[in-house]
PDB file of N, CA and C in Angstrom:
ATOM      1  N   MET A   1      -1.561   9.067 -12.479  1.00  0.00           N
ATOM      2  CA  MET A   1      -2.666   8.039 -12.095  1.00  0.00           C
ATOM      3  C   MET A   1      -3.717   8.005 -10.765  1.00  0.00           C
ATOM      4  N   TYR A   2      -4.982   8.058 -11.050  1.00  0.00           N
ATOM      5  CA  TYR A   2      -5.837   7.522  -9.329  1.00  0.00           C
ATOM      6  C   TYR A   2      -5.631   6.469  -9.317  1.00  0.00           C
ATOM      7  N   VAL A   3      -5.464   6.430  -7.865  1.00  0.00           N
ATOM      8  CA  VAL A   3      -5.227   5.283  -7.604  1.00  0.00           C
ATOM      9  C   VAL A   3      -6.743   4.929  -6.709  1.00  0.00           C
ATOM     10  N   CYS A   4      -6.877   5.818  -6.040  1.00  0.00           N
ATOM     11  CA  CYS A   4      -8.505   6.269  -4.929  1.00  0.00           C
ATOM     12  C   CYS A   4      -9.672   6.818  -5.361  1.00  0.00           C
ATOM     13  N   VAL A   5     -10.039   6.814  -6.401  1.00  0.00           N
ATOM     14  CA  VAL A   5     -11.223   7.256  -6.553  1.00  0.00           C
ATOM     15  C   VAL A   5     -12.339   8.303  -5.816  1.00  0.00           C
ATOM     16  N   CYS A   6     -12.025   7.569  -4.703  1.00  0.00           N
ATOM     17  CA  CYS A   6     -13.241   7.638  -3.547  1.00  0.00           C
ATOM     18  C   CYS A   6     -12.383   9.358  -3.079  1.00  0.00           C
ATOM     19  N   ASN A   7     -11.289   9.059  -2.330  1.00  0.00           N
ATOM     20  CA  ASN A   7     -10.606  10.330  -1.729  1.00  0.00           C
ATOM     21  C   ASN A   7     -10.157  10.938  -3.699  1.00  0.00           C
ATOM     22  N   ALA A   8      -9.612  10.551  -4.346  1.00  0.00           N
ATOM     23  CA  ALA A   8      -8.990  11.432  -5.155  1.00  0.00           C
ATOM     24  C   ALA A   8      -7.419  11.173  -4.972  1.00  0.00           C
ATOM     25  N   TYR A   9      -6.783  10.576  -4.201  1.00  0.00           N
ATOM     26  CA  TYR A   9      -5.610  10.146  -3.890  1.00  0.00           C
ATOM     27  C   TYR A   9      -4.419   9.370  -5.523  1.00  0.00           C
ATOM     28  N   ARG A  10      -3.730  10.334  -5.809  1.00  0.00           N
ATOM     29  CA  ARG A  10      -3.053   9.504  -7.373  1.00  0.00           C
ATOM     30  C   ARG A  10      -1.826   8.924  -6.543  1.00  0.00           C
ATOM     31  N   ASP A  11      -1.335   8.005  -7.509  1.00  0.00           N
ATOM     32  CA  ASP A  11       0.075   7.383  -7.414  1.00  0.00           C
ATOM     33  C   ASP A  11       0.906   8.409  -6.693  1.00  0.00           C
ATOM     34  N   THR A  12       1.433   9.254  -7.800  1.00  0.00           N
ATOM     35  CA  THR A  12       2.295  10.305  -7.555  1.00  0.00           C
ATOM     36  C   THR A  12       2.361  10.538  -5.660  1.00  0.00           C
ATOM     37  N   GLU A  13       1.159  10.908  -5.246  1.00  0.00           N
ATOM     38  CA  GLU A  13       0.652  11.287  -3.313  1.00  0.00           C
ATOM     39  C   GLU A  13       1.544   9.668  -2.641  1.00  0.00           C
ATOM     40  N   ILE A  14       0.881   8.907  -3.181  1.00  0.00           N
ATOM     41  CA  ILE A  14       0.724   7.781  -2.276  1.00  0.00           C
ATOM     42  C   ILE A  14       2.465   7.518  -2.293  1.00  0.00           C
ATOM     43  N   ARG A  15       3.210   7.248  -3.214  1.00  0.00           N
ATOM     44  CA  ARG A  15       4.549   7.203  -3.354  1.00  0.00           C
ATOM     45  C   ARG A  15       5.368   8.436  -2.711  1.00  0.00           C
ATOM     46  N   ALA A  16       4.893   9.906  -2.795  1.00  0.00           N
ATOM     47  CA  ALA A  16       5.710  10.774  -1.474  1.00  0.00           C
ATOM     48  C   ALA A  16       5.548  10.187  -0.004  1.00  0.00           C
ATOM     49  N   VAL A  17       4.486   9.635  -0.019  1.00  0.00           N
ATOM     50  CA  VAL A  17       3.892   9.623   1.445  1.00  0.00           C
ATOM     51  C   VAL A  17       4.850   8.623   1.979  1.00  0.00           C
ATOM     52  N   ALA A  18       5.220   7.374   1.198  1.00  0.00           N
ATOM     53  CA  ALA A  18       5.821   5.980   0.987  1.00  0.00           C
ATOM     54  C   ALA A  18       7.087   7.056   1.173  1.00  0.00           C
ATOM     55  N   GLN A  19       7.793   7.808   0.575  1.00  0.00           N
ATOM     56  CA  GLN A  19       9.423   8.049   0.302  1.00  0.00           C
ATOM     57  C   GLN A  19       9.817   8.567   1.669  1.00  0.00           C
ATOM     58  N   ALA A  20       8.293   9.336   2.137  1.00  0.00           N
ATOM     59  CA  ALA A  20       9.106   9.492   3.532  1.00  0.00           C
ATOM     60  C   ALA A  20       8.896   8.459   4.659  1.00  0.00           C
ATOM     61  N   GLY A  21       8.515   7.707   4.491  1.00  0.00           N
ATOM     62  CA  GLY A  21       8.577   6.421   5.328  1.00  0.00           C
ATOM     63  C   GLY A  21       7.693   5.490   5.778  1.00  0.00           C
ATOM     64  N   VAL A  22       6.680   6.078   5.267  1.00  0.00           N
ATOM     65  CA  VAL A  22       5.291   5.174   5.862  1.00  0.00           C
ATOM     66  C   VAL A  22       5.053   3.866   4.994  1.00  0.00           C
ATOM     67  N   ARG A  23       4.589   2.806   5.633  1.00  0.00           N
ATOM     68  CA  ARG A  23       4.941   1.319   4.862  1.00  0.00           C
ATOM     69  C   ARG A  23       3.117   0.616   5.112  1.00  0.00           C
ATOM     70  N   CYS A  24       2.739   1.277   5.146  1.00  0.00           N
ATOM     71  CA  CYS A  24       1.016   0.678   5.362  1.00  0.00           C
ATOM     72  C   CYS A  24       0.253   1.442   4.691  1.00  0.00           C
ATOM     73  N   ALA A  25      -0.588   0.926   3.496  1.00  0.00           N
ATOM     74  CA  ALA A  25      -1.407   1.897   3.077  1.00  0.00           C
ATOM     75  C   ALA A  25      -2.844   2.777   3.499  1.00  0.00           C
ATOM     76  N   ARG A  26      -3.263   2.158   5.073  1.00  0.00           N
ATOM     77  CA  ARG A  26      -4.240   2.859   5.895  1.00  0.00           C
ATOM     78  C   ARG A  26      -3.380   3.967   6.245  1.00  0.00           C
ATOM     79  N   LYS A  27      -2.257   4.013   6.531  1.00  0.00           N
ATOM     80  CA  LYS A  27      -1.713   5.154   7.123  1.00  0.00           C
ATOM     81  C   LYS A  27      -1.405   5.782   5.745  1.00  0.00           C
ATOM     82  N   ALA A  28      -1.029   5.801   4.897  1.00  0.00           N
ATOM     83  CA  ALA A  28      -0.878   6.649   3.740  1.00  0.00           C
ATOM     84  C   ALA A  28      -1.868   7.459   3.666  1.00  0.00           C
ATOM     85  N   TYR A  29      -3.094   6.558   3.759  1.00  0.00           N
ATOM     86  CA  TYR A  29      -4.325   7.791   3.313  1.00  0.00           C
ATOM     87  C   TYR A  29      -4.742   8.857   4.393  1.00  0.00           C
ATOM     88  N   GLN A  30      -4.120   8.401   5.815  1.00  0.00           N
ATOM     89  CA  GLN A  30      -4.755   8.866   6.874  1.00  0.00           C
ATOM     90  C   GLN A  30      -3.804  10.278   6.868  1.00  0.00           C
ATOM     91  N   GLU A  31      -2.418  10.530   6.333  1.00  0.00           N
ATOM     92  CA  GLU A  31      -1.239  11.245   6.009  1.00  0.00           C
ATOM     93  C   GLU A  31      -1.776  12.274   5.304  1.00  0.00           C
ATOM     94  N   LEU A  32      -2.422  11.608   3.829  1.00  0.00           N
ATOM     95  CA  LEU A  32      -3.086  12.439   2.780  1.00  0.00           C
ATOM     96  C   LEU A  32      -4.291  12.948   3.139  1.00  0.00           C
ATOM     97  N   GLY A  33      -4.733  13.135   4.402  1.00  0.00           N
ATOM     98  CA  GLY A  33      -5.978  13.402   4.826  1.00  0.00           C
ATOM     99  C   GLY A  33      -7.304  12.989   4.996  1.00  0.00           C
ATOM    100  N   ASN A  34      -7.123  11.677   4.551  1.00  0.00           N
ATOM    101  CA  ASN A  34      -8.804  10.833   4.769  1.00  0.00           C
ATOM    102  C   ASN A  34      -7.937   9.808   4.600  1.00  0.00           C
ATOM    103  N   GLY A  35      -8.830   8.422   5.703  1.00  0.00           N
ATOM    104  CA  GLY A  35      -8.456   7.516   5.695  1.00  0.00           C
ATOM    105  C   GLY A  35      -9.592   6.808   4.336  1.00  0.00           C
ATOM    106  N   PRO A  36      -9.505   5.427   4.053  1.00  0.00           N
ATOM    107  CA  PRO A  36      -9.941   4.413   2.909  1.00  0.00           C
ATOM    108  C   PRO A  36     -11.337   4.775   3.165  1.00  0.00           C
ATOM    109  N   GLN A  37     -11.956   4.697   1.878  1.00  0.00           N
ATOM    110  CA  GLN A  37     -13.627   4.540   2.119  1.00  0.00           C
ATOM    111  C   GLN A  37     -14.009   3.683   1.442  1.00  0.00           C
ATOM    112  N   CYS A  38     -14.203   2.669   0.051  1.00  0.00           N
ATOM    113  CA  CYS A  38     -14.808   1.726  -0.080  1.00  0.00           C
ATOM    114  C   CYS A  38     -13.225   0.721   0.130  1.00  0.00           C
ATOM    115  N   GLY A  39     -12.235   0.580  -0.154  1.00  0.00           N
ATOM    116  CA  GLY A  39     -11.346  -0.229   0.325  1.00  0.00           C
ATOM    117  C   GLY A  39     -10.605  -0.555  -0.627  1.00  0.00           C
ATOM    118  N   ARG A  40     -11.366  -0.618  -1.872  1.00  0.00           N
ATOM    119  CA  ARG A  40     -10.940  -1.624  -3.042  1.00  0.00           C
ATOM    120  C   ARG A  40      -9.400  -0.931  -3.460  1.00  0.00           C
ATOM    121  N   CYS A  41      -9.195  -0.189  -3.327  1.00  0.00           N
ATOM    122  CA  CYS A  41      -7.636   0.416  -3.977  1.00  0.00           C
ATOM    123  C   CYS A  41      -6.735   0.202  -2.662  1.00  0.00           C
ATOM    124  N   LEU A  42      -7.040  -0.371  -1.973  1.00  0.00           N
ATOM    125  CA  LEU A  42      -5.760  -0.865  -0.842  1.00  0.00           C
ATOM    126  C   LEU A  42      -4.638  -1.695  -0.989  1.00  0.00           C
ATOM    127  N   SER A  43      -5.338  -2.516  -1.941  1.00  0.00           N
ATOM    128  CA  SER A  43      -4.142  -3.552  -2.738  1.00  0.00           C
ATOM    129  C   SER A  43      -2.962  -2.865  -3.498  1.00  0.00           C
ATOM    130  N   PHE A  44      -3.745  -2.402  -4.250  1.00  0.00           N
ATOM    131  CA  PHE A  44      -3.134  -1.536  -5.263  1.00  0.00           C
ATOM    132  C   PHE A  44      -1.890  -0.289  -4.323  1.00  0.00           C
ATOM    133  N   ALA A  45      -2.305   0.529  -3.649  1.00  0.00           N
ATOM    134  CA  ALA A  45      -1.953   1.005  -3.181  1.00  0.00           C
ATOM    135  C   ALA A  45      -0.272   0.540  -1.980  1.00  0.00           C
ATOM    136  N   GLN A  46      -0.924  -0.498  -1.463  1.00  0.00           N
ATOM    137  CA  GLN A  46       0.003  -1.336  -0.716  1.00  0.00           C
ATOM    138  C   GLN A  46       1.273  -1.780  -1.476  1.00  0.00           C
ATOM    139  N   GLY A  47       0.656  -1.778  -3.128  1.00  0.00           N
ATOM    140  CA  GLY A  47       1.434  -2.668  -3.958  1.00  0.00           C
ATOM    141  C   GLY A  47       2.617  -1.460  -4.557  1.00  0.00           C
ATOM    142  N   LEU A  48       2.197  -0.336  -4.437  1.00  0.00           N
ATOM    143  CA  LEU A  48       2.920   1.123  -4.562  1.00  0.00           C
ATOM    144  C   LEU A  48       3.730   1.218  -3.622  1.00  0.00           C
ATOM    145  N   ILE A  49       3.546   0.983  -2.429  1.00  0.00           N
ATOM    146  CA  ILE A  49       4.694   1.570  -1.266  1.00  0.00           C
ATOM    147  C   ILE A  49       5.214   0.418  -0.864  1.00  0.00           C
ATOM    148  N   ASP A  50       4.980  -0.991  -1.312  1.00  0.00           N
ATOM    149  CA  ASP A  50       6.083  -1.956  -1.264  1.00  0.00           C
ATOM    150  C   ASP A  50       7.094  -1.654  -2.134  1.00  0.00           C
ATOM    151  N   GLY A  51       6.754  -1.246  -3.498  1.00  0.00           N
ATOM    152  CA  GLY A  51       7.528  -0.909  -4.472  1.00  0.00           C
ATOM    153  C   GLY A  51       8.453  -0.023  -4.040  1.00  0.00           C
ATOM    154  N   ILE A  52       7.915   1.197  -3.431  1.00  0.00           N
ATOM    155  CA  ILE A  52       9.124   1.904  -2.808  1.00  0.00           C
ATOM    156  C   ILE A  52      10.431   1.040  -1.632  1.00  0.00           C
ATOM    157  N   HIS A  53       9.568   0.264  -0.730  1.00  0.00           N
ATOM    158  CA  HIS A  53      10.381  -0.118   0.194  1.00  0.00           C
ATOM    159  C   HIS A  53      10.991  -1.355  -0.095  1.00  0.00           C
ATOM    160  N   GLU A  54      11.115  -1.958  -0.990  1.00  0.00           N
ATOM    161  CA  GLU A  54      11.423  -3.257  -1.468  1.00  0.00           C
ATOM    162  C   GLU A  54      13.045  -3.532  -1.238  1.00  0.00           C
ATOM    163  N   ASP A  55      13.904  -2.353  -1.111  1.00  0.00           N
ATOM    164  CA  ASP A  55      15.004  -2.934  -1.068  1.00  0.00           C
ATOM    165  C   ASP A  55      15.233  -2.228   0.642  1.00  0.00           C
ATOM    166  N   GLN A  56      14.557  -1.675   0.955  1.00  0.00           N
ATOM    167  CA  GLN A  56      14.720  -1.436   2.707  1.00  0.00           C
ATOM    168  C   GLN A  56      14.063  -1.846   3.776  1.00  0.00           C
ATOM    169  N   PRO A  57      14.610  -3.027   4.715  1.00  0.00           N
ATOM    170  CA  PRO A  57      14.086  -3.720   5.231  1.00  0.00           C
ATOM    171  C   PRO A  57      13.438  -3.383   6.873  1.00  0.00           C
ATOM    172  N   HIS A  58      12.511  -3.705   7.299  1.00  0.00           N
ATOM    173  CA  HIS A  58      11.438  -3.018   8.116  1.00  0.00           C
ATOM    174  C   HIS A  58      11.923  -3.515   9.878  1.00  0.00           C
ATOM    175  N   GLY A  59      13.157  -4.496   9.329  1.00  0.00           N
ATOM    176  CA  GLY A  59      12.901  -5.530  10.765  1.00  0.00           C
ATOM    177  C   GLY A  59      11.950  -6.440  11.223  1.00  0.00           C
ATOM    178  N   GLY A  60      11.337  -6.681   9.740  1.00  0.00           N
ATOM    179  CA  GLY A  60      10.457  -7.885  10.022  1.00  0.00           C
ATOM    180  C   GLY A  60       8.884  -7.654  10.614  1.00  0.00           C
ATOM    181  N   GLN A  61       8.753  -6.367  10.741  1.00  0.00           N
ATOM    182  CA  GLN A  61       7.728  -5.912  11.179  1.00  0.00           C
ATOM    183  C   GLN A  61       6.351  -6.030  10.132  1.00  0.00           C
ATOM    184  N   VAL A  62       5.395  -6.609  10.665  1.00  0.00           N
ATOM    185  CA  VAL A  62       4.186  -6.582   9.713  1.00  0.00           C
ATOM    186  C   VAL A  62       3.158  -5.456   8.953  1.00  0.00           C
ATOM    187  N   THR A  63       3.452  -4.739   8.026  1.00  0.00           N
ATOM    188  CA  THR A  63       2.514  -3.296   7.937  1.00  0.00           C
ATOM    189  C   THR A  63       1.494  -3.304   7.423  1.00  0.00           C
ATOM    190  N   HIS A  64       1.582  -4.610   6.082  1.00  0.00           N
ATOM    191  CA  HIS A  64       0.206  -4.428   5.297  1.00  0.00           C
ATOM    192  C   HIS A  64      -0.665  -4.333   5.830  1.00  0.00           C
ATOM    193  N   ALA A  65      -1.749  -3.867   5.213  1.00  0.00           N
ATOM    194  CA  ALA A  65      -3.050  -3.965   5.640  1.00  0.00           C
ATOM    195  C   ALA A  65      -3.910  -5.024   5.612  1.00  0.00           C
ATOM    196  N   ARG A  66      -3.657  -6.176   4.857  1.00  0.00           N
ATOM    197  CA  ARG A  66      -4.013  -7.383   4.406  1.00  0.00           C
ATOM    198  C   ARG A  66      -2.667  -8.330   4.503  1.00  0.00           C
ATOM    199  N   GLN A  67      -2.416  -9.234   4.539  1.00  0.00           N
ATOM    200  CA  GLN A  67      -1.575 -10.173   3.706  1.00  0.00           C
ATOM    201  C   GLN A  67      -2.216 -11.470   2.614  1.00  0.00           C
ATOM    202  N   ARG A  68      -1.528 -11.285   2.234  1.00  0.00           N
ATOM    203  CA  ARG A  68      -2.316 -12.302   0.771  1.00  0.00           C
ATOM    204  C   ARG A  68      -1.553 -13.619   1.167  1.00  0.00           C
ATOM    205  N   PRO A  69      -2.783 -14.677   0.720  1.00  0.00           N
ATOM    206  CA  PRO A  69      -2.184 -16.107   1.194  1.00  0.00           C
ATOM    207  C   PRO A  69      -1.124 -16.663   0.403  1.00  0.00           C
ATOM    208  N   ALA A  70      -0.584 -17.543   0.799  1.00  0.00           N
ATOM    209  CA  ALA A  70       0.664 -18.363  -0.132  1.00  0.00           C
ATOM    210  C   ALA A  70      -0.071 -19.043  -1.405  1.00  0.00           C
ATOM    211  N   VAL A  71       0.307 -19.807  -2.242  1.00  0.00           N
ATOM    212  CA  VAL A  71      -0.298 -19.946  -3.311  1.00  0.00           C
ATOM    213  C   VAL A  71       0.790 -21.186  -3.642  1.00  0.00           C
ATOM    214  N   GLU A  72      -0.294 -22.086  -3.729  1.00  0.00           N
ATOM    215  CA  GLU A  72       0.471 -23.519  -4.036  1.00  0.00           C
ATOM    216  C   GLU A  72       0.288 -23.754  -5.352  1.00  0.00           C
ATOM    217  N   VAL A  73       1.382 -24.488  -6.196  1.00  0.00           N
ATOM    218  CA  VAL A  73       1.270 -24.793  -7.481  1.00  0.00           C
ATOM    219  C   VAL A  73       1.462 -26.239  -7.527  1.00  0.00           C
ATOM    220  N   ALA A  74       0.486 -26.946  -8.189  1.00  0.00           N
ATOM    221  CA  ALA A  74       0.361 -28.171  -8.039  1.00  0.00           C
ATOM    222  C   ALA A  74       1.505 -28.530  -9.238  1.00  0.00           C
ATOM    223  N   THR A  75       2.578 -29.821  -9.046  1.00  0.00           N
ATOM    224  CA  THR A  75       3.155 -29.836 -10.359  1.00  0.00           C
ATOM    225  C   THR A  75       2.580 -31.477 -10.824  1.00  0.00           C
ATOM    226  N   PRO A  76       2.532 -31.666 -12.209  1.00  0.00           N
ATOM    227  CA  PRO A  76       1.740 -32.885 -12.360  1.00  0.00           C
ATOM    228  C   PRO A  76       2.678 -34.028 -12.645  1.00  0.00           C
TER     229      PRO A  76
END
């Protein structure tokens, strides 16, 4: 499936780059030949990359293009 319409990057390409060791969506796009254009796909691409690396610790380094804010749930 297409993840990035601007660059025509598919999920299989992003996963392959992640399996080669890339942990950041922006870096993955550069490895594929072109950086992000509009940026709307970066969070989804990062999720694919994180899924590849979820069992592989990276020394606590922050590699995400953007960190998601913590969500607090209020209990009644």
